[in-house]
C-alpha atoms as a PDB file:
ATOM      1  CA  UNK A   1       0.000   0.000   0.000  1.00  0.00           C
ATOM      2  CA  UNK A   2       1.173   3.531  -0.788  1.00  0.00           C
ATOM      3  CA  UNK A   3       2.403   5.333   2.345  1.00  0.00           C
ATOM      4  CA  UNK A   4      -0.007   8.252   1.902  1.00  0.00           C
ATOM      5  CA  UNK A   5      -2.931   5.867   1.471  1.00  0.00           C
ATOM      6  CA  UNK A   6      -1.802   3.987   4.588  1.00  0.00           C
ATOM      7  CA  UNK A   7      -1.768   7.228   6.585  1.00  0.00           C
ATOM      8  CA  UNK A   8      -5.200   8.221   5.285  1.00  0.00           C
ATOM      9  CA  UNK A   9      -6.655   4.847   6.250  1.00  0.00           C
ATOM     10  CA  UNK A  10      -4.998   4.886   9.673  1.00  0.00           C
ATOM     11  CA  UNK A  11      -6.388   8.346  10.417  1.00  0.00           C
ATOM     12  CA  UNK A  12      -9.844   7.358   9.210  1.00  0.00           C
ATOM     13  CA  UNK A  13      -9.819   4.218  11.336  1.00  0.00           C
ATOM     14  CA  UNK A  14      -8.889   6.183  14.454  1.00  0.00           C
ATOM     15  CA  UNK A  15     -11.766   8.604  13.910  1.00  0.00           C
ATOM     16  CA  UNK A  16     -14.178   5.749  13.166  1.00  0.00           C
ATOM     17  CA  UNK A  17     -13.256   3.962  16.382  1.00  0.00           C
ATOM     18  CA  UNK A  18     -13.635   7.105  18.477  1.00  0.00           C
ATOM     19  CA  UNK A  19     -17.061   7.773  16.948  1.00  0.00           C
ATOM     20  CA  UNK A  20     -18.271   4.187  17.381  1.00  0.00           C
ATOM     21  CA  UNK A  21     -16.635   3.143  20.631  1.00  0.00           C
ATOM     22  CA  UNK A  22     -16.595   6.433  22.559  1.00  0.00           C
ATOM     23  CA  UNK A  23     -19.877   8.041  21.471  1.00  0.00           C
ATOM     24  CA  UNK A  24     -21.699   7.278  24.713  1.00  0.00           C
ATOM     25  CA  UNK A  25     -18.927   8.819  26.812  1.00  0.00           C
ATOM     26  CA  UNK A  26     -18.685  11.806  24.471  1.00  0.00           C
ATOM     27  CA  UNK A  27     -22.404  12.421  24.963  1.00  0.00           C
ATOM     28  CA  UNK A  28     -21.894  12.220  28.726  1.00  0.00           C
ATOM     29  CA  UNK A  29     -18.998  14.672  28.489  1.00  0.00           C
ATOM     30  CA  UNK A  30     -21.203  17.008  26.473  1.00  0.00           C
ATOM     31  CA  UNK A  31     -23.904  16.775  29.125  1.00  0.00           C
ATOM     32  CA  UNK A  32     -21.460  17.593  31.922  1.00  0.00           C
ATOM     33  CA  UNK A  33     -20.087  20.575  29.997  1.00  0.00           C
ATOM     34  CA  UNK A  34     -23.548  21.847  29.061  1.00  0.00           C
ATOM     35  CA  UNK A  35     -24.894  21.652  32.600  1.00  0.00           C
ATOM     36  CA  UNK A  36     -21.829  23.460  33.903  1.00  0.00           C
ATOM     37  CA  UNK A  37     -22.089  26.231  31.300  1.00  0.00           C
ATOM     38  CA  UNK A  38     -25.819  26.559  31.983  1.00  0.00           C
ATOM     39  CA  UNK A  39     -24.868  27.439  35.571  1.00  0.00           C
ATOM     40  CA  UNK A  40     -22.704  30.293  34.303  1.00  0.00           C
ATOM     41  CA  UNK A  41     -19.389  28.491  34.773  1.00  0.00           C
ATOM     42  CA  UNK A  42     -16.398  28.411  32.450  1.00  0.00           C
ATOM     43  CA  UNK A  43     -15.174  25.203  30.826  1.00  0.00           C
ATOM     44  CA  UNK A  44     -11.554  24.795  31.943  1.00  0.00           C
ATOM     45  CA  UNK A  45      -9.249  23.140  29.393  1.00  0.00           C
ATOM     46  CA  UNK A  46      -5.582  22.252  29.678  1.00  0.00           C
ATOM     47  CA  UNK A  47      -3.262  20.562  27.180  1.00  0.00           C
ATOM     48  CA  UNK A  48      -0.403  19.403  29.353  1.00  0.00           C
ATOM     49  CA  UNK A  49       2.662  19.624  27.184  1.00  0.00           C
ATOM     50  CA  UNK A  50       4.080  19.417  23.677  1.00  0.00           C
ATOM     51  CA  UNK A  51       1.587  18.904  20.876  1.00  0.00           C
ATOM     52  CA  UNK A  52      -1.202  18.068  23.334  1.00  0.00           C
ATOM     53  CA  UNK A  53      -1.123  21.801  24.085  1.00  0.00           C
ATOM     54  CA  UNK A  54      -2.937  22.202  20.765  1.00  0.00           C
ATOM     55  CA  UNK A  55      -5.941  20.427  22.238  1.00  0.00           C
ATOM     56  CA  UNK A  56      -6.577  23.444  24.464  1.00  0.00           C
ATOM     57  CA  UNK A  57      -5.843  25.848  21.608  1.00  0.00           C
ATOM     58  CA  UNK A  58      -8.319  24.009  19.388  1.00  0.00           C
ATOM     59  CA  UNK A  59     -11.146  24.694  21.830  1.00  0.00           C
ATOM     60  CA  UNK A  60     -10.315  28.346  22.439  1.00  0.00           C
ATOM     61  CA  UNK A  61     -11.639  31.320  20.422  1.00  0.00           C
ATOM     62  CA  UNK A  62     -12.579  28.819  17.718  1.00  0.00           C
ATOM     63  CA  UNK A  63     -15.028  29.395  14.897  1.00  0.00           C
ATOM     64  CA  UNK A  64     -17.836  26.943  15.618  1.00  0.00           C
ATOM     65  CA  UNK A  65     -16.529  26.450  19.148  1.00  0.00           C
ATOM     66  CA  UNK A  66     -17.905  27.321  22.553  1.00  0.00           C
ATOM     67  CA  UNK A  67     -17.221  30.813  23.896  1.00  0.00           C
ATOM     68  CA  UNK A  68     -16.875  30.246  27.680  1.00  0.00           C
ATOM     69  CA  UNK A  69     -13.688  28.179  27.376  1.00  0.00           C
ATOM     70  CA  UNK A  70     -10.896  29.055  29.778  1.00  0.00           C
ATOM     71  CA  UNK A  71      -7.923  27.579  27.904  1.00  0.00           C
ATOM     72  CA  UNK A  72      -4.877  27.274  30.155  1.00  0.00           C
ATOM     73  CA  UNK A  73      -2.355  28.213  27.475  1.00  0.00           C
ATOM     74  CA  UNK A  74       0.573  28.349  29.851  1.00  0.00           C
ATOM     75  CA  UNK A  75       3.762  29.302  27.965  1.00  0.00           C
ATOM     76  CA  UNK A  76       5.703  26.617  29.814  1.00  0.00           C
ATOM     77  CA  UNK A  77       3.829  23.890  27.956  1.00  0.00           C
ATOM     78  CA  UNK A  78       4.095  25.575  24.557  1.00  0.00           C
ATOM     79  CA  UNK A  79       6.707  24.569  21.997  1.00  0.00           C
ATOM     80  CA  UNK A  80       6.855  28.273  21.132  1.00  0.00           C
ATOM     81  CA  UNK A  81       8.736  28.871  24.366  1.00  0.00           C
ATOM     82  CA  UNK A  82      11.263  26.149  23.556  1.00  0.00           C
ATOM     83  CA  UNK A  83      10.630  22.549  22.547  1.00  0.00           C
ATOM     84  CA  UNK A  84      12.997  20.877  25.001  1.00  0.00           C
ATOM     85  CA  UNK A  85      11.879  23.334  27.659  1.00  0.00           C
ATOM     86  CA  UNK A  86       8.288  22.185  27.134  1.00  0.00           C
ATOM     87  CA  UNK A  87       9.303  18.582  27.769  1.00  0.00           C
ATOM     88  CA  UNK A  88      11.147  19.535  30.950  1.00  0.00           C
ATOM     89  CA  UNK A  89       8.248  21.646  32.226  1.00  0.00           C
ATOM     90  CA  UNK A  90       5.632  18.942  31.664  1.00  0.00           C
ATOM     91  CA  UNK A  91       7.813  16.576  33.705  1.00  0.00           C
ATOM     92  CA  UNK A  92       8.161  19.000  36.634  1.00  0.00           C
ATOM     93  CA  UNK A  93       6.099  18.014  39.697  1.00  0.00           C
ATOM     94  CA  UNK A  94       4.174  20.894  41.235  1.00  0.00           C
ATOM     95  CA  UNK A  95       4.127  23.110  38.148  1.00  0.00           C
ATOM     96  CA  UNK A  96       0.513  22.588  37.166  1.00  0.00           C
ATOM     97  CA  UNK A  97      -0.768  23.527  40.635  1.00  0.00           C
ATOM     98  CA  UNK A  98       0.378  27.088  40.002  1.00  0.00           C
ATOM     99  CA  UNK A  99      -1.363  27.110  36.606  1.00  0.00           C
ATOM    100  CA  UNK A 100      -4.661  26.024  38.184  1.00  0.00           C
ATOM    101  CA  UNK A 101      -4.250  28.651  40.910  1.00  0.00           C
ATOM    102  CA  UNK A 102      -3.608  31.358  38.320  1.00  0.00           C
ATOM    103  CA  UNK A 103      -6.781  30.451  36.459  1.00  0.00           C
ATOM    104  CA  UNK A 104      -8.776  30.480  39.704  1.00  0.00           C
ATOM    105  CA  UNK A 105     -10.594  27.232  39.078  1.00  0.00           C
ATOM    106  CA  UNK A 106     -13.694  26.845  41.211  1.00  0.00           C
ATOM    107  CA  UNK A 107     -15.167  23.815  42.977  1.00  0.00           C
ATOM    108  CA  UNK A 108     -17.803  22.351  40.663  1.00  0.00           C
ATOM    109  CA  UNK A 109     -16.051  23.393  37.435  1.00  0.00           C
ATOM    110  CA  UNK A 110     -15.402  20.914  34.618  1.00  0.00           C
ATOM    111  CA  UNK A 111     -11.716  20.464  33.752  1.00  0.00           C
ATOM    112  CA  UNK A 112     -10.923  18.901  30.372  1.00  0.00           C
ATOM    113  CA  UNK A 113      -7.403  17.449  30.317  1.00  0.00           C
ATOM    114  CA  UNK A 114      -5.902  16.693  26.900  1.00  0.00           C
ATOM    115  CA  UNK A 115      -2.725  14.646  26.678  1.00  0.00           C
ATOM    116  CA  UNK A 116      -1.757  11.988  24.153  1.00  0.00           C
ATOM    117  CA  UNK A 117      -0.043   9.663  26.634  1.00  0.00           C
ATOM    118  CA  UNK A 118      -1.596  10.792  29.903  1.00  0.00           C
ATOM    119  CA  UNK A 119       1.431  10.000  32.052  1.00  0.00           C
ATOM    120  CA  UNK A 120       3.598  13.075  32.632  1.00  0.00           C
ATOM    121  CA  UNK A 121       3.756  15.007  35.891  1.00  0.00           C
ATOM    122  CA  UNK A 122       1.642  17.944  34.719  1.00  0.00           C
ATOM    123  CA  UNK A 123      -1.073  15.636  33.403  1.00  0.00           C
ATOM    124  CA  UNK A 124      -1.316  13.387  36.429  1.00  0.00           C
ATOM    125  CA  UNK A 125      -1.207  16.276  38.870  1.00  0.00           C
ATOM    126  CA  UNK A 126      -3.907  18.123  36.912  1.00  0.00           C
ATOM    127  CA  UNK A 127      -6.180  15.113  37.435  1.00  0.00           C
ATOM    128  CA  UNK A 128      -5.220  14.696  41.091  1.00  0.00           C
ATOM    129  CA  UNK A 129      -5.684  18.408  41.751  1.00  0.00           C
ATOM    130  CA  UNK A 130      -9.096  18.222  40.096  1.00  0.00           C
ATOM    131  CA  UNK A 131     -10.157  15.611  42.641  1.00  0.00           C
ATOM    132  CA  UNK A 132      -8.695  17.556  45.544  1.00  0.00           C
ATOM    133  CA  UNK A 133     -10.371  20.802  44.458  1.00  0.00           C
ATOM    134  CA  UNK A 134     -13.785  19.330  43.741  1.00  0.00           C
ATOM    135  CA  UNK A 135     -13.640  19.637  39.936  1.00  0.00           C
ATOM    136  CA  UNK A 136     -15.122  17.170  37.466  1.00  0.00           C
ATOM    137  CA  UNK A 137     -12.311  15.912  35.238  1.00  0.00           C
ATOM    138  CA  UNK A 138     -12.714  14.711  31.661  1.00  0.00           C
ATOM    139  CA  UNK A 139      -9.663  13.106  30.048  1.00  0.00           C
ATOM    140  CA  UNK A 140      -8.916  12.948  26.329  1.00  0.00           C
ATOM    141  CA  UNK A 141      -6.026  10.515  26.046  1.00  0.00           C
ATOM    142  CA  UNK A 142      -5.031   7.059  24.820  1.00  0.00           C
ATOM    143  CA  UNK A 143      -4.857   4.041  27.098  1.00  0.00           C
ATOM    144  CA  UNK A 144      -2.839   2.214  24.423  1.00  0.00           C
ATOM    145  CA  UNK A 145      -0.062   4.791  24.819  1.00  0.00           C
ATOM    146  CA  UNK A 146      -0.018   4.598  28.607  1.00  0.00           C
ATOM    147  CA  UNK A 147      -0.526   0.929  29.464  1.00  0.00           C
ATOM    148  CA  UNK A 148       2.664  -0.543  27.953  1.00  0.00           C
ATOM    149  CA  UNK A 149       5.016   2.239  29.019  1.00  0.00           C
ATOM    150  CA  UNK A 150       7.379   1.231  31.837  1.00  0.00           C
ATOM    151  CA  UNK A 151       6.548   2.666  35.242  1.00  0.00           C
ATOM    152  CA  UNK A 152      10.087   4.035  35.557  1.00  0.00           C
ATOM    153  CA  UNK A 153      10.096   5.761  32.150  1.00  0.00           C
ATOM    154  CA  UNK A 154      11.535   9.317  32.484  1.00  0.00           C
ATOM    155  CA  UNK A 155       8.373  10.911  31.103  1.00  0.00           C
ATOM    156  CA  UNK A 156       6.143   9.369  33.771  1.00  0.00           C
ATOM    157  CA  UNK A 157       4.901  11.078  36.917  1.00  0.00           C
ATOM    158  CA  UNK A 158       6.803   9.653  39.918  1.00  0.00           C
ATOM    159  CA  UNK A 159       3.605   7.868  41.034  1.00  0.00           C
ATOM    160  CA  UNK A 160       3.416   5.820  37.835  1.00  0.00           C
ATOM    161  CA  UNK A 161      -0.291   6.634  37.560  1.00  0.00           C
ATOM    162  CA  UNK A 162      -2.210   6.935  34.286  1.00  0.00           C
ATOM    163  CA  UNK A 163      -4.636   9.747  33.430  1.00  0.00           C
ATOM    164  CA  UNK A 164      -7.285   7.380  32.103  1.00  0.00           C
ATOM    165  CA  UNK A 165      -7.432   5.667  35.511  1.00  0.00           C
ATOM    166  CA  UNK A 166      -7.818   8.908  37.513  1.00  0.00           C
ATOM    167  CA  UNK A 167     -10.215  11.091  35.522  1.00  0.00           C
ATOM    168  CA  UNK A 168     -13.934  11.041  36.290  1.00  0.00           C
ATOM    169  CA  UNK A 169     -14.664  10.459  32.595  1.00  0.00           C
ATOM    170  CA  UNK A 170     -12.224   9.160  29.993  1.00  0.00           C
ATOM    171  CA  UNK A 171     -12.459   9.538  26.201  1.00  0.00           C
ATOM    172  CA  UNK A 172     -10.040   7.071  24.581  1.00  0.00           C
ATOM    173  CA  UNK A 173      -8.404   8.357  21.393  1.00  0.00           C
ATOM    174  CA  UNK A 174      -7.103   4.876  20.431  1.00  0.00           C
ATOM    175  CA  UNK A 175      -3.632   6.156  19.432  1.00  0.00           C
ATOM    176  CA  UNK A 176      -0.887   3.520  19.585  1.00  0.00           C
ATOM    177  CA  UNK A 177       2.335   3.778  21.557  1.00  0.00           C
ATOM    178  CA  UNK A 178       4.780   5.923  19.593  1.00  0.00           C
ATOM    179  CA  UNK A 179       1.975   7.914  17.906  1.00  0.00           C
ATOM    180  CA  UNK A 180       3.288   7.609  14.329  1.00  0.00           C
ATOM    181  CA  UNK A 181       1.416   5.109  12.161  1.00  0.00           C
ATOM    182  CA  UNK A 182       3.257   4.655   8.843  1.00  0.00           C
ATOM    183  CA  UNK A 183       6.336   2.632   7.905  1.00  0.00           C
ATOM    184  CA  UNK A 184       8.249   4.020   4.928  1.00  0.00           C
ATOM    185  CA  UNK A 185      10.853   1.788   3.329  1.00  0.00           C
ATOM    186  CA  UNK A 186      14.307   3.235   3.881  1.00  0.00           C
ATOM    187  CA  UNK A 187      13.317   5.141   7.031  1.00  0.00           C
ATOM    188  CA  UNK A 188      14.021   3.523  10.388  1.00  0.00           C
ATOM    189  CA  UNK A 189      11.386   5.588  12.230  1.00  0.00           C
ATOM    190  CA  UNK A 190       7.647   5.524  11.672  1.00  0.00           C
ATOM    191  CA  UNK A 191       5.996   8.732  10.419  1.00  0.00           C
ATOM    192  CA  UNK A 192       2.436  10.043  10.241  1.00  0.00           C
ATOM    193  CA  UNK A 193       1.441  10.913  13.837  1.00  0.00           C
ATOM    194  CA  UNK A 194      -2.230  10.609  14.761  1.00  0.00           C
ATOM    195  CA  UNK A 195      -2.642  12.092  18.233  1.00  0.00           C
ATOM    196  CA  UNK A 196      -3.367  15.684  17.152  1.00  0.00           C
ATOM    197  CA  UNK A 197      -6.011  14.518  14.677  1.00  0.00           C
ATOM    198  CA  UNK A 198      -7.585  12.260  17.294  1.00  0.00           C
ATOM    199  CA  UNK A 199      -7.458  14.880  20.058  1.00  0.00           C
ATOM    200  CA  UNK A 200      -9.041  17.534  17.843  1.00  0.00           C
ATOM    201  CA  UNK A 201     -11.820  15.218  16.742  1.00  0.00           C
ATOM    202  CA  UNK A 202     -12.539  14.170  20.320  1.00  0.00           C
ATOM    203  CA  UNK A 203     -12.652  17.666  21.822  1.00  0.00           C
ATOM    204  CA  UNK A 204     -14.764  19.041  18.974  1.00  0.00           C
ATOM    205  CA  UNK A 205     -17.118  16.075  19.312  1.00  0.00           C
ATOM    206  CA  UNK A 206     -17.548  17.047  22.965  1.00  0.00           C
ATOM    207  CA  UNK A 207     -18.360  20.591  21.848  1.00  0.00           C
ATOM    208  CA  UNK A 208     -21.017  19.325  19.415  1.00  0.00           C
ATOM    209  CA  UNK A 209     -22.541  17.152  22.138  1.00  0.00           C
ATOM    210  CA  UNK A 210     -22.473  20.051  24.607  1.00  0.00           C
ATOM    211  CA  UNK A 211     -24.271  22.351  22.172  1.00  0.00           C
ATOM    212  CA  UNK A 212     -26.957  19.703  21.637  1.00  0.00           C
ATOM    213  CA  UNK A 213     -27.458  19.413  25.393  1.00  0.00           C
ATOM    214  CA  UNK A 214     -27.581  23.189  25.869  1.00  0.00           C
ATOM    215  CA  UNK A 215     -30.380  23.384  23.315  1.00  0.00           C
ATOM    216  CA  UNK A 216     -32.256  20.626  25.160  1.00  0.00           C
ATOM    217  CA  UNK A 217     -31.846  22.617  28.376  1.00  0.00           C
ATOM    218  CA  UNK A 218     -33.371  25.642  26.667  1.00  0.00           C
ATOM    219  CA  UNK A 219     -30.102  27.587  26.762  1.00  0.00           C
ATOM    220  CA  UNK A 220     -28.872  29.490  23.717  1.00  0.00           C
ATOM    221  CA  UNK A 221     -25.421  28.003  23.039  1.00  0.00           C
ATOM    222  CA  UNK A 222     -22.663  30.668  23.060  1.00  0.00           C
ATOM    223  CA  UNK A 223     -20.684  29.839  19.915  1.00  0.00           C
ATOM    224  CA  UNK A 224     -18.030  31.864  18.107  1.00  0.00           C
ATOM    225  CA  UNK A 225     -18.623  32.765  14.461  1.00  0.00           C
ATOM    226  CA  UNK A 226     -15.661  32.962  12.079  1.00  0.00           C
ATOM    227  CA  UNK A 227     -14.427  36.541  11.962  1.00  0.00           C
ATOM    228  CA  UNK A 228     -13.498  35.846   8.346  1.00  0.00           C
ATOM    229  CA  UNK A 229     -17.135  35.255   7.397  1.00  0.00           C
ATOM    230  CA  UNK A 230     -19.778  37.924   6.711  1.00  0.00           C
ATOM    231  CA  UNK A 231     -21.095  39.341   9.960  1.00  0.00           C
ATOM    232  CA  UNK A 232     -18.521  37.479  12.028  1.00  0.00           C
ATOM    233  CA  UNK A 233     -17.058  40.471  13.841  1.00  0.00           C
ATOM    234  CA  UNK A 234     -20.519  41.804  14.624  1.00  0.00           C
ATOM    235  CA  UNK A 235     -21.760  38.454  15.934  1.00  0.00           C
ATOM    236  CA  UNK A 236     -18.726  38.005  18.175  1.00  0.00           C
ATOM    237  CA  UNK A 237     -18.711  41.500  19.633  1.00  0.00           C
ATOM    238  CA  UNK A 238     -21.197  40.701  22.401  1.00  0.00           C
ATOM    239  CA  UNK A 239     -19.122  37.707  23.493  1.00  0.00           C
ATOM    240  CA  UNK A 240     -15.916  39.742  23.483  1.00  0.00           C
ATOM    241  CA  UNK A 241     -17.595  42.354  25.648  1.00  0.00           C
ATOM    242  CA  UNK A 242     -18.956  39.765  28.062  1.00  0.00           C
ATOM    243  CA  UNK A 243     -15.922  37.501  28.414  1.00  0.00           C
ATOM    244  CA  UNK A 244     -12.918  39.753  27.855  1.00  0.00           C
ATOM    245  CA  UNK A 245     -12.264  40.044  31.589  1.00  0.00           C
ATOM    246  CA  UNK A 246     -13.191  36.437  32.363  1.00  0.00           C
ATOM    247  CA  UNK A 247     -11.017  34.464  29.932  1.00  0.00           C
ATOM    248  CA  UNK A 248      -7.360  35.137  30.714  1.00  0.00           C
ATOM    249  CA  UNK A 249      -6.054  34.653  27.184  1.00  0.00           C
ATOM    250  CA  UNK A 250      -8.874  36.432  25.356  1.00  0.00           C
END
């Protein structure tokens, strides 16, 4: 099979499995988010390191996405502040507690934690802090990445815990250990990573489910319109006015 075709099929299979096997949990996640937003709360989202950081970015200020999303876009996790630095930060115990403090999370909030492997210090402590602070945690991660990884691997939290075992609700992205899916003859390393595709599909599926539930609750869903489309700036102005002081990165 051609390598590009292999990648296309692998990506399609991941999305199919998430849709088929995780749909019930995605609907439950949407319900939890909708009920929280209906109470006037913010949806808290954190992508704890590396490319998982994009999971939080994908939900924030997004055309077709929910408005009241407090994305914890901490520079320490971002590759834009230094790739190796991001790896070191996500492995630093205690770091994420400060991030949660800065964002002033409140008991009863929903915290969505996005991380491909679900094992590093920032990820595990985000989930543990959620329990300690009375938050409802939803994990978007892959059990197939976490289960086989040695408990003493350098990227693991010292406890050896896995995100999918701690979170109140767990959406499995089905990504395999190593992330990349395609073997190319002449290259000794697989290519074609899938975690960003899977994470984006999962978090946006939660958004779709949440909007459905908001409508059922009789609440007008607050959704961003593309500023590049006709009337976009005008439609978004009321949300910018309402949330500018509430969302730290808006």
